């Protein structure tokens, strides 16, 4: 499995395998993706504002062929929520495909996306 997260210092996506960064890329696509947020690390980030990699997306690396027209944009903002959220405000926990753009935006395929259950 491959992990992908936004590298704010380099302005690109970091690609990590087995805990080691193996590449920096402008565009990336993952299949069978699951969102990961480490709550303990997020709890350290909130009061200090210090950046720390504590959220990423894990999946299978596939060739990037652009963002499909029906893809839905999503984001992670640690100060607003402890999970990834789509542009409609729904939590996103997994997706069939994730598309990472060169401008720092991420998109998921609507088909196969699992939203967290409402509580």
PDB file of N, CA and C in Angstrom:
ATOM      1  N   UNK A   1       0.832  -1.186   0.000  1.00  0.00           N
ATOM      2  CA  UNK A   1       0.000   0.000   0.000  1.00  0.00           C
ATOM      3  C   UNK A   1       0.874   1.246   0.000  1.00  0.00           C
ATOM      4  N   UNK A   2       0.362   2.294  -0.590  1.00  0.00           N
ATOM      5  CA  UNK A   2       1.067   3.565  -0.717  1.00  0.00           C
ATOM      6  C   UNK A   2       0.311   4.638   0.052  1.00  0.00           C
ATOM      7  N   UNK A   3       1.038   5.507   0.750  1.00  0.00           N
ATOM      8  CA  UNK A   3       0.456   6.645   1.449  1.00  0.00           C
ATOM      9  C   UNK A   3       0.753   7.905   0.653  1.00  0.00           C
ATOM     10  N   UNK A   4      -0.215   8.807   0.588  1.00  0.00           N
ATOM     11  CA  UNK A   4      -0.020  10.098  -0.084  1.00  0.00           C
ATOM     12  C   UNK A   4      -0.516  11.193   0.846  1.00  0.00           C
ATOM     13  N   UNK A   5       0.276  12.249   0.976  1.00  0.00           N
ATOM     14  CA  UNK A   5      -0.133  13.422   1.751  1.00  0.00           C
ATOM     15  C   UNK A   5       0.436  14.669   1.101  1.00  0.00           C
ATOM     16  N   UNK A   6      -0.165  15.802   1.414  1.00  0.00           N
ATOM     17  CA  UNK A   6       0.278  17.078   0.842  1.00  0.00           C
ATOM     18  C   UNK A   6       1.499  17.571   1.601  1.00  0.00           C
ATOM     19  N   UNK A   7       2.572  17.815   0.874  1.00  0.00           N
ATOM     20  CA  UNK A   7       3.798  18.356   1.460  1.00  0.00           C
ATOM     21  C   UNK A   7       3.711  19.874   1.309  1.00  0.00           C
ATOM     22  N   UNK A   8       3.387  20.557   2.394  1.00  0.00           N
ATOM     23  CA  UNK A   8       3.182  22.008   2.350  1.00  0.00           C
ATOM     24  C   UNK A   8       4.486  22.766   2.121  1.00  0.00           C
ATOM     25  N   UNK A   9       5.595  22.200   2.553  1.00  0.00           N
ATOM     26  CA  UNK A   9       6.889  22.860   2.368  1.00  0.00           C
ATOM     27  C   UNK A   9       7.307  22.856   0.907  1.00  0.00           C
ATOM     28  N   UNK A  10       7.157  21.707   0.237  1.00  0.00           N
ATOM     29  CA  UNK A  10       7.578  21.571  -1.162  1.00  0.00           C
ATOM     30  C   UNK A  10       6.485  21.944  -2.168  1.00  0.00           C
ATOM     31  N   UNK A  11       5.251  22.062  -1.693  1.00  0.00           N
ATOM     32  CA  UNK A  11       4.155  22.394  -2.594  1.00  0.00           C
ATOM     33  C   UNK A  11       3.825  21.285  -3.567  1.00  0.00           C
ATOM     34  N   UNK A  12       3.897  20.033  -3.090  1.00  0.00           N
ATOM     35  CA  UNK A  12       3.602  18.889  -3.940  1.00  0.00           C
ATOM     36  C   UNK A  12       3.023  17.775  -3.069  1.00  0.00           C
ATOM     37  N   UNK A  13       2.817  16.631  -3.672  1.00  0.00           N
ATOM     38  CA  UNK A  13       2.334  15.460  -2.936  1.00  0.00           C
ATOM     39  C   UNK A  13       3.517  14.564  -2.593  1.00  0.00           C
ATOM     40  N   UNK A  14       3.593  14.117  -1.358  1.00  0.00           N
ATOM     41  CA  UNK A  14       4.618  13.148  -0.958  1.00  0.00           C
ATOM     42  C   UNK A  14       4.030  11.758  -1.076  1.00  0.00           C
ATOM     43  N   UNK A  15       4.805  10.856  -1.654  1.00  0.00           N
ATOM     44  CA  UNK A  15       4.401   9.469  -1.843  1.00  0.00           C
ATOM     45  C   UNK A  15       5.276   8.621  -0.938  1.00  0.00           C
ATOM     46  N   UNK A  16       4.628   7.899  -0.036  1.00  0.00           N
ATOM     47  CA  UNK A  16       5.360   7.142   0.977  1.00  0.00           C
ATOM     48  C   UNK A  16       5.002   5.666   0.884  1.00  0.00           C
ATOM     49  N   UNK A  17       6.019   4.814   0.934  1.00  0.00           N
ATOM     50  CA  UNK A  17       5.816   3.369   0.948  1.00  0.00           C
ATOM     51  C   UNK A  17       6.606   2.775   2.101  1.00  0.00           C
ATOM     52  N   UNK A  18       5.945   1.923   2.863  1.00  0.00           N
ATOM     53  CA  UNK A  18       6.558   1.285   4.037  1.00  0.00           C
ATOM     54  C   UNK A  18       7.206   2.323   4.965  1.00  0.00           C
ATOM     55  N   UNK A  19       6.539   3.468   5.141  1.00  0.00           N
ATOM     56  CA  UNK A  19       7.000   4.491   6.065  1.00  0.00           C
ATOM     57  C   UNK A  19       8.099   5.397   5.550  1.00  0.00           C
ATOM     58  N   UNK A  20       8.494   5.234   4.304  1.00  0.00           N
ATOM     59  CA  UNK A  20       9.598   6.022   3.731  1.00  0.00           C
ATOM     60  C   UNK A  20       9.126   6.776   2.489  1.00  0.00           C
ATOM     61  N   UNK A  21       9.414   8.066   2.421  1.00  0.00           N
ATOM     62  CA  UNK A  21       9.039   8.856   1.242  1.00  0.00           C
ATOM     63  C   UNK A  21       9.898   8.402   0.067  1.00  0.00           C
ATOM     64  N   UNK A  22       9.222   7.977  -1.007  1.00  0.00           N
ATOM     65  CA  UNK A  22       9.924   7.459  -2.185  1.00  0.00           C
ATOM     66  C   UNK A  22       9.827   8.410  -3.371  1.00  0.00           C
ATOM     67  N   UNK A  23       8.922   9.395  -3.288  1.00  0.00           N
ATOM     68  CA  UNK A  23       8.774  10.339  -4.404  1.00  0.00           C
ATOM     69  C   UNK A  23       8.000  11.569  -3.961  1.00  0.00           C
ATOM     70  N   UNK A  24       8.194  12.631  -4.723  1.00  0.00           N
ATOM     71  CA  UNK A  24       7.374  13.833  -4.619  1.00  0.00           C
ATOM     72  C   UNK A  24       6.778  14.031  -6.006  1.00  0.00           C
ATOM     73  N   UNK A  25       5.473  14.254  -6.071  1.00  0.00           N
ATOM     74  CA  UNK A  25       4.805  14.327  -7.372  1.00  0.00           C
ATOM     75  C   UNK A  25       3.809  15.481  -7.405  1.00  0.00           C
ATOM     76  N   UNK A  26       3.560  15.974  -8.608  1.00  0.00           N
ATOM     77  CA  UNK A  26       2.561  17.022  -8.788  1.00  0.00           C
ATOM     78  C   UNK A  26       1.152  16.431  -8.910  1.00  0.00           C
ATOM     79  N   UNK A  27       1.049  15.231  -9.484  1.00  0.00           N
ATOM     80  CA  UNK A  27      -0.235  14.542  -9.613  1.00  0.00           C
ATOM     81  C   UNK A  27      -0.056  13.088  -9.210  1.00  0.00           C
ATOM     82  N   UNK A  28      -1.078  12.535  -8.585  1.00  0.00           N
ATOM     83  CA  UNK A  28      -1.049  11.138  -8.139  1.00  0.00           C
ATOM     84  C   UNK A  28      -2.486  10.615  -8.189  1.00  0.00           C
ATOM     85  N   UNK A  29      -2.631   9.317  -8.432  1.00  0.00           N
ATOM     86  CA  UNK A  29      -3.936   8.667  -8.341  1.00  0.00           C
ATOM     87  C   UNK A  29      -3.783   7.394  -7.516  1.00  0.00           C
ATOM     88  N   UNK A  30      -4.731   7.185  -6.590  1.00  0.00           N
ATOM     89  CA  UNK A  30      -4.776   5.971  -5.782  1.00  0.00           C
ATOM     90  C   UNK A  30      -6.103   5.258  -6.025  1.00  0.00           C
ATOM     91  N   UNK A  31      -6.069   3.936  -6.022  1.00  0.00           N
ATOM     92  CA  UNK A  31      -7.280   3.120  -6.101  1.00  0.00           C
ATOM     93  C   UNK A  31      -7.496   2.452  -4.751  1.00  0.00           C
ATOM     94  N   UNK A  32      -8.723   2.097  -4.453  1.00  0.00           N
ATOM     95  CA  UNK A  32      -9.086   1.414  -3.200  1.00  0.00           C
ATOM     96  C   UNK A  32      -8.504   2.163  -1.998  1.00  0.00           C
ATOM     97  N   UNK A  33      -8.831   3.432  -1.902  1.00  0.00           N
ATOM     98  CA  UNK A  33      -8.210   4.318  -0.924  1.00  0.00           C
ATOM     99  C   UNK A  33      -8.981   4.388   0.395  1.00  0.00           C
ATOM    100  N   UNK A  34      -8.215   4.565   1.467  1.00  0.00           N
ATOM    101  CA  UNK A  34      -8.759   4.741   2.812  1.00  0.00           C
ATOM    102  C   UNK A  34      -8.080   5.955   3.429  1.00  0.00           C
ATOM    103  N   UNK A  35      -8.879   6.819   4.051  1.00  0.00           N
ATOM    104  CA  UNK A  35      -8.336   8.002   4.696  1.00  0.00           C
ATOM    105  C   UNK A  35      -7.875   7.652   6.104  1.00  0.00           C
ATOM    106  N   UNK A  36      -6.710   8.172   6.491  1.00  0.00           N
ATOM    107  CA  UNK A  36      -6.140   7.894   7.813  1.00  0.00           C
ATOM    108  C   UNK A  36      -5.872   9.221   8.519  1.00  0.00           C
ATOM    109  N   UNK A  37      -6.372   9.352   9.740  1.00  0.00           N
ATOM    110  CA  UNK A  37      -6.071  10.513  10.585  1.00  0.00           C
ATOM    111  C   UNK A  37      -5.661   9.972  11.944  1.00  0.00           C
ATOM    112  N   UNK A  38      -4.491  10.400  12.425  1.00  0.00           N
ATOM    113  CA  UNK A  38      -4.020   9.981  13.744  1.00  0.00           C
ATOM    114  C   UNK A  38      -4.521  10.994  14.778  1.00  0.00           C
ATOM    115  N   UNK A  39      -5.493  10.597  15.599  1.00  0.00           N
ATOM    116  CA  UNK A  39      -6.100  11.538  16.536  1.00  0.00           C
ATOM    117  C   UNK A  39      -5.114  12.129  17.553  1.00  0.00           C
ATOM    118  N   UNK A  40      -4.179  11.331  18.032  1.00  0.00           N
ATOM    119  CA  UNK A  40      -3.204  11.829  19.005  1.00  0.00           C
ATOM    120  C   UNK A  40      -2.323  12.914  18.427  1.00  0.00           C
ATOM    121  N   UNK A  41      -1.873  12.700  17.198  1.00  0.00           N
ATOM    122  CA  UNK A  41      -1.042  13.711  16.535  1.00  0.00           C
ATOM    123  C   UNK A  41      -1.856  14.959  16.227  1.00  0.00           C
ATOM    124  N   UNK A  42      -3.095  14.771  15.817  1.00  0.00           N
ATOM    125  CA  UNK A  42      -3.967  15.925  15.557  1.00  0.00           C
ATOM    126  C   UNK A  42      -4.157  16.732  16.825  1.00  0.00           C
ATOM    127  N   UNK A  43      -4.317  16.044  17.949  1.00  0.00           N
ATOM    128  CA  UNK A  43      -4.500  16.733  19.234  1.00  0.00           C
ATOM    129  C   UNK A  43      -3.284  17.594  19.586  1.00  0.00           C
ATOM    130  N   UNK A  44      -2.091  17.180  19.172  1.00  0.00           N
ATOM    131  CA  UNK A  44      -0.878  17.989  19.416  1.00  0.00           C
ATOM    132  C   UNK A  44      -0.832  19.203  18.491  1.00  0.00           C
ATOM    133  N   UNK A  45      -1.336  19.050  17.275  1.00  0.00           N
ATOM    134  CA  UNK A  45      -1.294  20.125  16.281  1.00  0.00           C
ATOM    135  C   UNK A  45      -2.255  21.263  16.650  1.00  0.00           C
ATOM    136  N   UNK A  46      -3.439  20.915  17.128  1.00  0.00           N
ATOM    137  CA  UNK A  46      -4.483  21.910  17.399  1.00  0.00           C
ATOM    138  C   UNK A  46      -4.003  23.043  18.322  1.00  0.00           C
ATOM    139  N   UNK A  47      -3.491  22.751  19.510  1.00  0.00           N
ATOM    140  CA  UNK A  47      -3.118  23.873  20.395  1.00  0.00           C
ATOM    141  C   UNK A  47      -1.853  24.618  19.974  1.00  0.00           C
ATOM    142  N   UNK A  48      -0.928  23.943  19.329  1.00  0.00           N
ATOM    143  CA  UNK A  48       0.356  24.577  19.000  1.00  0.00           C
ATOM    144  C   UNK A  48       0.365  25.225  17.625  1.00  0.00           C
ATOM    145  N   UNK A  49      -0.424  24.681  16.687  1.00  0.00           N
ATOM    146  CA  UNK A  49      -0.401  25.181  15.318  1.00  0.00           C
ATOM    147  C   UNK A  49       0.812  24.697  14.535  1.00  0.00           C
ATOM    148  N   UNK A  50       1.667  23.892  15.164  1.00  0.00           N
ATOM    149  CA  UNK A  50       2.833  23.343  14.482  1.00  0.00           C
ATOM    150  C   UNK A  50       2.386  22.264  13.500  1.00  0.00           C
ATOM    151  N   UNK A  51       2.940  22.299  12.301  1.00  0.00           N
ATOM    152  CA  UNK A  51       2.579  21.316  11.285  1.00  0.00           C
ATOM    153  C   UNK A  51       3.259  19.983  11.571  1.00  0.00           C
ATOM    154  N   UNK A  52       2.523  18.939  11.314  1.00  0.00           N
ATOM    155  CA  UNK A  52       3.012  17.575  11.518  1.00  0.00           C
ATOM    156  C   UNK A  52       2.185  16.663  10.626  1.00  0.00           C
ATOM    157  N   UNK A  53       2.821  15.718   9.960  1.00  0.00           N
ATOM    158  CA  UNK A  53       2.072  14.789   9.112  1.00  0.00           C
ATOM    159  C   UNK A  53       1.294  13.855  10.032  1.00  0.00           C
ATOM    160  N   UNK A  54      -0.006  14.023  10.048  1.00  0.00           N
ATOM    161  CA  UNK A  54      -0.850  13.169  10.878  1.00  0.00           C
ATOM    162  C   UNK A  54      -2.098  12.694  10.130  1.00  0.00           C
ATOM    163  N   UNK A  55      -2.194  13.038   8.849  1.00  0.00           N
ATOM    164  CA  UNK A  55      -3.314  12.582   8.024  1.00  0.00           C
ATOM    165  C   UNK A  55      -2.795  12.285   6.624  1.00  0.00           C
ATOM    166  N   UNK A  56      -3.244  11.186   6.071  1.00  0.00           N
ATOM    167  CA  UNK A  56      -2.836  10.800   4.726  1.00  0.00           C
ATOM    168  C   UNK A  56      -3.881   9.869   4.146  1.00  0.00           C
ATOM    169  N   UNK A  57      -3.678   9.501   2.897  1.00  0.00           N
ATOM    170  CA  UNK A  57      -4.580   8.573   2.232  1.00  0.00           C
ATOM    171  C   UNK A  57      -3.770   7.368   1.785  1.00  0.00           C
ATOM    172  N   UNK A  58      -4.271   6.205   2.121  1.00  0.00           N
ATOM    173  CA  UNK A  58      -3.586   4.943   1.846  1.00  0.00           C
ATOM    174  C   UNK A  58      -4.342   4.223   0.735  1.00  0.00           C
ATOM    175  N   UNK A  59      -3.613   3.734  -0.258  1.00  0.00           N
ATOM    176  CA  UNK A  59      -4.246   3.011  -1.356  1.00  0.00           C
ATOM    177  C   UNK A  59      -3.232   2.403  -2.288  1.00  0.00           C
ATOM    178  N   UNK A  60      -3.711   1.968  -3.435  1.00  0.00           N
ATOM    179  CA  UNK A  60      -2.867   1.359  -4.452  1.00  0.00           C
ATOM    180  C   UNK A  60      -2.550   2.396  -5.521  1.00  0.00           C
ATOM    181  N   UNK A  61      -1.266   2.639  -5.756  1.00  0.00           N
ATOM    182  CA  UNK A  61      -0.822   3.621  -6.745  1.00  0.00           C
ATOM    183  C   UNK A  61      -1.156   3.131  -8.153  1.00  0.00           C
ATOM    184  N   UNK A  62      -1.821   3.982  -8.940  1.00  0.00           N
ATOM    185  CA  UNK A  62      -2.166   3.667 -10.332  1.00  0.00           C
ATOM    186  C   UNK A  62      -1.774   4.850 -11.207  1.00  0.00           C
ATOM    187  N   UNK A  63      -1.636   4.657 -12.520  1.00  0.00           N
ATOM    188  CA  UNK A  63      -1.267   5.781 -13.400  1.00  0.00           C
ATOM    189  C   UNK A  63      -2.302   6.904 -13.336  1.00  0.00           C
ATOM    190  N   UNK A  64      -1.828   8.133 -13.320  1.00  0.00           N
ATOM    191  CA  UNK A  64      -2.715   9.307 -13.251  1.00  0.00           C
ATOM    192  C   UNK A  64      -3.193   9.655 -14.655  1.00  0.00           C
ATOM    193  N   UNK A  65      -4.519   9.718 -14.813  1.00  0.00           N
ATOM    194  CA  UNK A  65      -5.097  10.034 -16.126  1.00  0.00           C
ATOM    195  C   UNK A  65      -6.002  11.254 -16.034  1.00  0.00           C
ATOM    196  N   UNK A  66      -5.779  12.099 -15.040  1.00  0.00           N
ATOM    197  CA  UNK A  66      -6.607  13.287 -14.882  1.00  0.00           C
ATOM    198  C   UNK A  66      -7.793  13.031 -13.972  1.00  0.00           C
ATOM    199  N   UNK A  67      -8.496  14.107 -13.655  1.00  0.00           N
ATOM    200  CA  UNK A  67      -9.645  14.034 -12.754  1.00  0.00           C
ATOM    201  C   UNK A  67     -10.922  13.872 -13.582  1.00  0.00           C
ATOM    202  N   UNK A  68     -11.712  12.837 -13.316  1.00  0.00           N
ATOM    203  CA  UNK A  68     -12.961  12.653 -14.055  1.00  0.00           C
ATOM    204  C   UNK A  68     -13.950  13.793 -13.781  1.00  0.00           C
ATOM    205  N   UNK A  69     -14.830  14.026 -14.724  1.00  0.00           N
ATOM    206  CA  UNK A  69     -15.795  15.123 -14.613  1.00  0.00           C
ATOM    207  C   UNK A  69     -16.713  14.983 -13.398  1.00  0.00           C
ATOM    208  N   UNK A  70     -17.028  13.772 -12.988  1.00  0.00           N
ATOM    209  CA  UNK A  70     -17.959  13.564 -11.873  1.00  0.00           C
ATOM    210  C   UNK A  70     -17.265  13.398 -10.520  1.00  0.00           C
ATOM    211  N   UNK A  71     -15.986  13.621 -10.460  1.00  0.00           N
ATOM    212  CA  UNK A  71     -15.266  13.492  -9.189  1.00  0.00           C
ATOM    213  C   UNK A  71     -15.691  14.609  -8.239  1.00  0.00           C
ATOM    214  N   UNK A  72     -15.639  14.320  -6.936  1.00  0.00           N
ATOM    215  CA  UNK A  72     -16.047  15.260  -5.899  1.00  0.00           C
ATOM    216  C   UNK A  72     -14.818  15.709  -5.117  1.00  0.00           C
ATOM    217  N   UNK A  73     -14.681  17.005  -4.958  1.00  0.00           N
ATOM    218  CA  UNK A  73     -13.533  17.552  -4.233  1.00  0.00           C
ATOM    219  C   UNK A  73     -13.701  17.297  -2.738  1.00  0.00           C
ATOM    220  N   UNK A  74     -12.590  17.001  -2.074  1.00  0.00           N
ATOM    221  CA  UNK A  74     -12.613  16.845  -0.625  1.00  0.00           C
ATOM    222  C   UNK A  74     -11.342  17.447  -0.050  1.00  0.00           C
ATOM    223  N   UNK A  75     -11.300  17.587   1.264  1.00  0.00           N
ATOM    224  CA  UNK A  75     -10.171  18.232   1.923  1.00  0.00           C
ATOM    225  C   UNK A  75     -10.029  17.733   3.350  1.00  0.00           C
ATOM    226  N   UNK A  76      -8.920  18.082   3.960  1.00  0.00           N
ATOM    227  CA  UNK A  76      -8.701  17.807   5.382  1.00  0.00           C
ATOM    228  C   UNK A  76      -8.226  19.098   6.032  1.00  0.00           C
ATOM    229  N   UNK A  77      -8.972  19.547   7.014  1.00  0.00           N
ATOM    230  CA  UNK A  77      -8.606  20.747   7.768  1.00  0.00           C
ATOM    231  C   UNK A  77      -8.640  20.382   9.239  1.00  0.00           C
ATOM    232  N   UNK A  78      -7.475  20.175   9.845  1.00  0.00           N
ATOM    233  CA  UNK A  78      -7.425  19.661  11.214  1.00  0.00           C
ATOM    234  C   UNK A  78      -8.095  20.549  12.249  1.00  0.00           C
ATOM    235  N   UNK A  79      -8.196  21.841  11.988  1.00  0.00           N
ATOM    236  CA  UNK A  79      -8.799  22.740  12.965  1.00  0.00           C
ATOM    237  C   UNK A  79     -10.324  22.745  12.884  1.00  0.00           C
ATOM    238  N   UNK A  80     -10.884  22.156  11.828  1.00  0.00           N
ATOM    239  CA  UNK A  80     -12.336  22.110  11.664  1.00  0.00           C
ATOM    240  C   UNK A  80     -12.936  20.746  11.991  1.00  0.00           C
ATOM    241  N   UNK A  81     -12.221  19.667  11.651  1.00  0.00           N
ATOM    242  CA  UNK A  81     -12.757  18.317  11.873  1.00  0.00           C
ATOM    243  C   UNK A  81     -11.613  17.316  11.936  1.00  0.00           C
ATOM    244  N   UNK A  82     -11.867  16.206  12.573  1.00  0.00           N
ATOM    245  CA  UNK A  82     -10.868  15.153  12.700  1.00  0.00           C
ATOM    246  C   UNK A  82     -10.980  14.103  11.618  1.00  0.00           C
ATOM    247  N   UNK A  83     -11.511  14.484  10.469  1.00  0.00           N
ATOM    248  CA  UNK A  83     -11.680  13.557   9.348  1.00  0.00           C
ATOM    249  C   UNK A  83     -11.628  14.338   8.044  1.00  0.00           C
ATOM    250  N   UNK A  84     -11.507  13.622   6.942  1.00  0.00           N
ATOM    251  CA  UNK A  84     -11.570  14.225   5.623  1.00  0.00           C
ATOM    252  C   UNK A  84     -13.039  14.539   5.336  1.00  0.00           C
ATOM    253  N   UNK A  85     -13.289  15.638   4.620  1.00  0.00           N
ATOM    254  CA  UNK A  85     -14.646  16.109   4.369  1.00  0.00           C
ATOM    255  C   UNK A  85     -14.790  16.476   2.900  1.00  0.00           C
ATOM    256  N   UNK A  86     -15.941  16.109   2.299  1.00  0.00           N
ATOM    257  CA  UNK A  86     -16.143  16.504   0.904  1.00  0.00           C
ATOM    258  C   UNK A  86     -16.729  17.912   0.840  1.00  0.00           C
ATOM    259  N   UNK A  87     -16.862  18.440  -0.356  1.00  0.00           N
ATOM    260  CA  UNK A  87     -17.297  19.829  -0.506  1.00  0.00           C
ATOM    261  C   UNK A  87     -18.740  20.061  -0.070  1.00  0.00           C
ATOM    262  N   UNK A  88     -19.486  18.990   0.177  1.00  0.00           N
ATOM    263  CA  UNK A  88     -20.858  19.109   0.696  1.00  0.00           C
ATOM    264  C   UNK A  88     -20.891  18.991   2.219  1.00  0.00           C
ATOM    265  N   UNK A  89     -19.708  18.828   2.834  1.00  0.00           N
ATOM    266  CA  UNK A  89     -19.630  18.740   4.286  1.00  0.00           C
ATOM    267  C   UNK A  89     -19.757  17.335   4.851  1.00  0.00           C
ATOM    268  N   UNK A  90     -19.805  16.328   3.981  1.00  0.00           N
ATOM    269  CA  UNK A  90     -19.922  14.940   4.441  1.00  0.00           C
ATOM    270  C   UNK A  90     -18.549  14.343   4.733  1.00  0.00           C
ATOM    271  N   UNK A  91     -18.421  13.596   5.833  1.00  0.00           N
ATOM    272  CA  UNK A  91     -17.147  12.904   6.098  1.00  0.00           C
ATOM    273  C   UNK A  91     -16.863  11.869   5.017  1.00  0.00           C
ATOM    274  N   UNK A  92     -15.612  11.737   4.636  1.00  0.00           N
ATOM    275  CA  UNK A  92     -15.199  10.750   3.643  1.00  0.00           C
ATOM    276  C   UNK A  92     -14.163   9.847   4.311  1.00  0.00           C
ATOM    277  N   UNK A  93     -14.415   8.554   4.316  1.00  0.00           N
ATOM    278  CA  UNK A  93     -13.508   7.617   4.973  1.00  0.00           C
ATOM    279  C   UNK A  93     -12.815   6.671   4.000  1.00  0.00           C
ATOM    280  N   UNK A  94     -13.402   6.491   2.800  1.00  0.00           N
ATOM    281  CA  UNK A  94     -12.819   5.603   1.796  1.00  0.00           C
ATOM    282  C   UNK A  94     -13.403   5.946   0.429  1.00  0.00           C
ATOM    283  N   UNK A  95     -12.680   5.562  -0.623  1.00  0.00           N
ATOM    284  CA  UNK A  95     -13.170   5.803  -1.984  1.00  0.00           C
ATOM    285  C   UNK A  95     -12.541   4.808  -2.942  1.00  0.00           C
ATOM    286  N   UNK A  96     -13.237   4.532  -4.017  1.00  0.00           N
ATOM    287  CA  UNK A  96     -12.722   3.626  -5.037  1.00  0.00           C
ATOM    288  C   UNK A  96     -11.483   4.217  -5.692  1.00  0.00           C
ATOM    289  N   UNK A  97     -11.493   5.542  -5.916  1.00  0.00           N
ATOM    290  CA  UNK A  97     -10.350   6.228  -6.529  1.00  0.00           C
ATOM    291  C   UNK A  97     -10.192   7.615  -5.925  1.00  0.00           C
ATOM    292  N   UNK A  98      -8.934   8.037  -5.787  1.00  0.00           N
ATOM    293  CA  UNK A  98      -8.604   9.382  -5.319  1.00  0.00           C
ATOM    294  C   UNK A  98      -7.669  10.004  -6.346  1.00  0.00           C
ATOM    295  N   UNK A  99      -7.925  11.252  -6.701  1.00  0.00           N
ATOM    296  CA  UNK A  99      -7.129  11.972  -7.690  1.00  0.00           C
ATOM    297  C   UNK A  99      -6.521  13.205  -7.025  1.00  0.00           C
ATOM    298  N   UNK A 100      -5.220  13.332  -7.073  1.00  0.00           N
ATOM    299  CA  UNK A 100      -4.506  14.454  -6.471  1.00  0.00           C
ATOM    300  C   UNK A 100      -4.003  15.350  -7.598  1.00  0.00           C
ATOM    301  N   UNK A 101      -4.420  16.620  -7.602  1.00  0.00           N
ATOM    302  CA  UNK A 101      -4.048  17.587  -8.642  1.00  0.00           C
ATOM    303  C   UNK A 101      -2.770  18.334  -8.303  1.00  0.00           C
ATOM    304  N   UNK A 102      -2.182  18.954  -9.324  1.00  0.00           N
ATOM    305  CA  UNK A 102      -0.951  19.732  -9.138  1.00  0.00           C
ATOM    306  C   UNK A 102      -1.175  20.999  -8.328  1.00  0.00           C
ATOM    307  N   UNK A 103      -2.414  21.473  -8.245  1.00  0.00           N
ATOM    308  CA  UNK A 103      -2.693  22.693  -7.486  1.00  0.00           C
ATOM    309  C   UNK A 103      -3.013  22.430  -6.018  1.00  0.00           C
ATOM    310  N   UNK A 104      -2.836  21.191  -5.574  1.00  0.00           N
ATOM    311  CA  UNK A 104      -3.033  20.862  -4.167  1.00  0.00           C
ATOM    312  C   UNK A 104      -4.423  20.387  -3.811  1.00  0.00           C
ATOM    313  N   UNK A 105      -5.292  20.260  -4.801  1.00  0.00           N
ATOM    314  CA  UNK A 105      -6.643  19.784  -4.529  1.00  0.00           C
ATOM    315  C   UNK A 105      -6.711  18.271  -4.683  1.00  0.00           C
ATOM    316  N   UNK A 106      -7.653  17.669  -3.954  1.00  0.00           N
ATOM    317  CA  UNK A 106      -7.860  16.223  -4.035  1.00  0.00           C
ATOM    318  C   UNK A 106      -9.328  15.958  -4.345  1.00  0.00           C
ATOM    319  N   UNK A 107      -9.556  14.915  -5.101  1.00  0.00           N
ATOM    320  CA  UNK A 107     -10.894  14.563  -5.567  1.00  0.00           C
ATOM    321  C   UNK A 107     -11.115  13.073  -5.333  1.00  0.00           C
ATOM    322  N   UNK A 108     -12.363  12.671  -5.096  1.00  0.00           N
ATOM    323  CA  UNK A 108     -12.671  11.242  -5.001  1.00  0.00           C
ATOM    324  C   UNK A 108     -13.767  10.900  -5.985  1.00  0.00           C
ATOM    325  N   UNK A 109     -13.745   9.646  -6.419  1.00  0.00           N
ATOM    326  CA  UNK A 109     -14.797   9.172  -7.313  1.00  0.00           C
ATOM    327  C   UNK A 109     -16.045   8.960  -6.471  1.00  0.00           C
ATOM    328  N   UNK A 110     -17.163   9.440  -6.948  1.00  0.00           N
ATOM    329  CA  UNK A 110     -18.412   9.306  -6.198  1.00  0.00           C
ATOM    330  C   UNK A 110     -18.781   7.833  -6.065  1.00  0.00           C
ATOM    331  N   UNK A 111     -18.597   7.062  -7.119  1.00  0.00           N
ATOM    332  CA  UNK A 111     -18.906   5.640  -7.101  1.00  0.00           C
ATOM    333  C   UNK A 111     -17.941   4.921  -6.188  1.00  0.00           C
ATOM    334  N   UNK A 112     -18.467   4.184  -5.247  1.00  0.00           N
ATOM    335  CA  UNK A 112     -17.628   3.420  -4.325  1.00  0.00           C
ATOM    336  C   UNK A 112     -17.190   4.199  -3.104  1.00  0.00           C
ATOM    337  N   UNK A 113     -17.592   5.455  -2.998  1.00  0.00           N
ATOM    338  CA  UNK A 113     -17.206   6.256  -1.843  1.00  0.00           C
ATOM    339  C   UNK A 113     -18.072   5.886  -0.653  1.00  0.00           C
ATOM    340  N   UNK A 114     -17.434   5.751   0.477  1.00  0.00           N
ATOM    341  CA  UNK A 114     -18.162   5.434   1.704  1.00  0.00           C
ATOM    342  C   UNK A 114     -18.077   6.644   2.629  1.00  0.00           C
ATOM    343  N   UNK A 115     -19.186   7.170   3.000  1.00  0.00           N
ATOM    344  CA  UNK A 115     -19.214   8.268   3.965  1.00  0.00           C
ATOM    345  C   UNK A 115     -19.432   7.691   5.345  1.00  0.00           C
ATOM    346  N   UNK A 116     -18.878   8.325   6.340  1.00  0.00           N
ATOM    347  CA  UNK A 116     -19.049   7.866   7.719  1.00  0.00           C
ATOM    348  C   UNK A 116     -20.526   7.979   8.094  1.00  0.00           C
ATOM    349  N   UNK A 117     -20.980   7.062   8.915  1.00  0.00           N
ATOM    350  CA  UNK A 117     -22.364   7.081   9.341  1.00  0.00           C
ATOM    351  C   UNK A 117     -22.631   8.281  10.234  1.00  0.00           C
ATOM    352  N   UNK A 118     -23.805   8.855  10.100  1.00  0.00           N
ATOM    353  CA  UNK A 118     -24.192   9.998  10.943  1.00  0.00           C
ATOM    354  C   UNK A 118     -24.487   9.502  12.348  1.00  0.00           C
ATOM    355  N   UNK A 119     -24.078  10.299  13.328  1.00  0.00           N
ATOM    356  CA  UNK A 119     -24.362   9.905  14.716  1.00  0.00           C
ATOM    357  C   UNK A 119     -25.322  10.858  15.363  1.00  0.00           C
TER     358      UNK A 119
END
